[in-house]
């Protein structure tokens, strides 16, 4: 008889996502992914951290450099310039 191993996925709450995003922004380009995970102000499971990192990458707020450092790339001032342009409406 084969047993199924069920892994429970833990999705982060919004407060946790903001905490990770703020920490990355404040420590821009200083840490690699694992170092960043270890230095977060609040501990979490690695899987939860991975979900947050994938989310932040997918919405173009962070990127990971060739050397592995996590960089915050979101620029709200730049985005605001384009947000209200009528020629760019969807």
Protein backbone atom coordinates (compact mmCIF):
# COMPACT_ATOMS: atom_id res chain seq x y z
CA UNK A 1 0.00 0.00 0.00
CA UNK A 2 1.35 3.39 -0.98
CA UNK A 3 1.11 6.26 1.45
CA UNK A 4 0.61 9.74 0.17
CA UNK A 5 2.68 12.45 1.72
CA UNK A 6 0.61 15.60 1.89
CA UNK A 7 2.52 18.83 2.23
CA UNK A 8 0.61 21.75 3.63
CA UNK A 9 1.39 24.95 1.78
CA UNK A 10 1.56 27.99 4.03
CA UNK A 11 0.57 31.20 2.33
CA UNK A 12 1.81 34.43 3.90
CA UNK A 13 -0.51 37.13 5.13
CA UNK A 14 -0.19 40.64 3.74
CA UNK A 15 1.63 41.94 6.81
CA UNK A 16 4.35 39.29 6.32
CA UNK A 17 4.74 40.15 2.63
CA UNK A 18 5.13 43.84 3.53
CA UNK A 19 7.67 42.99 6.23
CA UNK A 20 9.84 41.06 3.76
CA UNK A 21 9.48 43.77 1.10
CA UNK A 22 10.45 46.52 3.58
CA UNK A 23 13.45 44.52 4.78
CA UNK A 24 14.65 44.01 1.20
CA UNK A 25 14.19 47.71 0.41
CA UNK A 26 16.12 48.77 3.53
CA UNK A 27 18.95 46.30 2.83
CA UNK A 28 18.98 46.69 -0.94
CA UNK A 29 21.67 44.55 -2.58
CA UNK A 30 23.35 43.55 0.69
CA UNK A 31 22.26 39.93 1.06
CA UNK A 32 21.84 36.78 -0.96
CA UNK A 33 18.51 34.99 -0.67
CA UNK A 34 19.53 32.60 2.14
CA UNK A 35 21.27 35.37 4.11
CA UNK A 36 18.19 37.53 3.73
CA UNK A 37 15.98 34.72 5.02
CA UNK A 38 18.20 34.25 8.08
CA UNK A 39 18.29 37.98 8.93
CA UNK A 40 14.57 38.75 8.65
CA UNK A 41 13.12 40.41 11.77
CA UNK A 42 10.42 37.72 11.98
CA UNK A 43 11.08 34.02 11.43
CA UNK A 44 9.04 32.05 8.94
CA UNK A 45 9.17 28.79 7.06
CA UNK A 46 11.46 28.62 4.01
CA UNK A 47 8.52 27.63 1.80
CA UNK A 48 6.58 30.74 2.88
CA UNK A 49 9.63 32.91 2.19
CA UNK A 50 9.95 31.35 -1.28
CA UNK A 51 6.32 32.19 -2.05
CA UNK A 52 6.91 35.83 -1.04
CA UNK A 53 10.13 36.07 -3.08
CA UNK A 54 8.45 34.59 -6.17
CA UNK A 55 5.55 37.01 -5.76
CA UNK A 56 7.82 40.06 -5.42
CA UNK A 57 9.77 38.97 -8.51
CA UNK A 58 6.59 38.39 -10.51
CA UNK A 59 5.37 41.95 -9.86
CA UNK A 60 8.81 43.43 -10.65
CA UNK A 61 9.62 44.73 -7.19
CA UNK A 62 12.82 42.71 -6.78
CA UNK A 63 15.38 40.88 -8.84
CA UNK A 64 18.29 38.62 -8.06
CA UNK A 65 21.63 39.71 -9.50
CA UNK A 66 24.12 37.35 -11.14
CA UNK A 67 26.08 37.24 -7.87
CA UNK A 68 22.91 36.16 -6.03
CA UNK A 69 22.20 39.42 -4.19
CA UNK A 70 18.55 40.45 -3.83
CA UNK A 71 17.89 43.95 -5.20
CA UNK A 72 14.80 46.12 -4.70
CA UNK A 73 13.95 47.71 -8.06
CA UNK A 74 10.47 49.18 -7.58
CA UNK A 75 10.37 52.93 -8.16
CA UNK A 76 7.02 54.45 -7.12
CA UNK A 77 7.91 57.93 -8.40
CA UNK A 78 8.62 56.56 -11.87
CA UNK A 79 5.41 54.51 -11.84
CA UNK A 80 3.38 57.55 -10.73
CA UNK A 81 4.56 59.50 -13.79
CA UNK A 82 2.90 56.96 -16.04
CA UNK A 83 -0.11 56.09 -13.91
CA UNK A 84 -2.19 59.14 -14.85
CA UNK A 85 -1.23 59.45 -18.51
CA UNK A 86 -4.40 59.20 -20.62
CA UNK A 87 -2.46 57.86 -23.61
CA UNK A 88 -1.50 54.78 -21.56
CA UNK A 89 -4.95 53.76 -20.35
CA UNK A 90 -5.87 50.12 -20.60
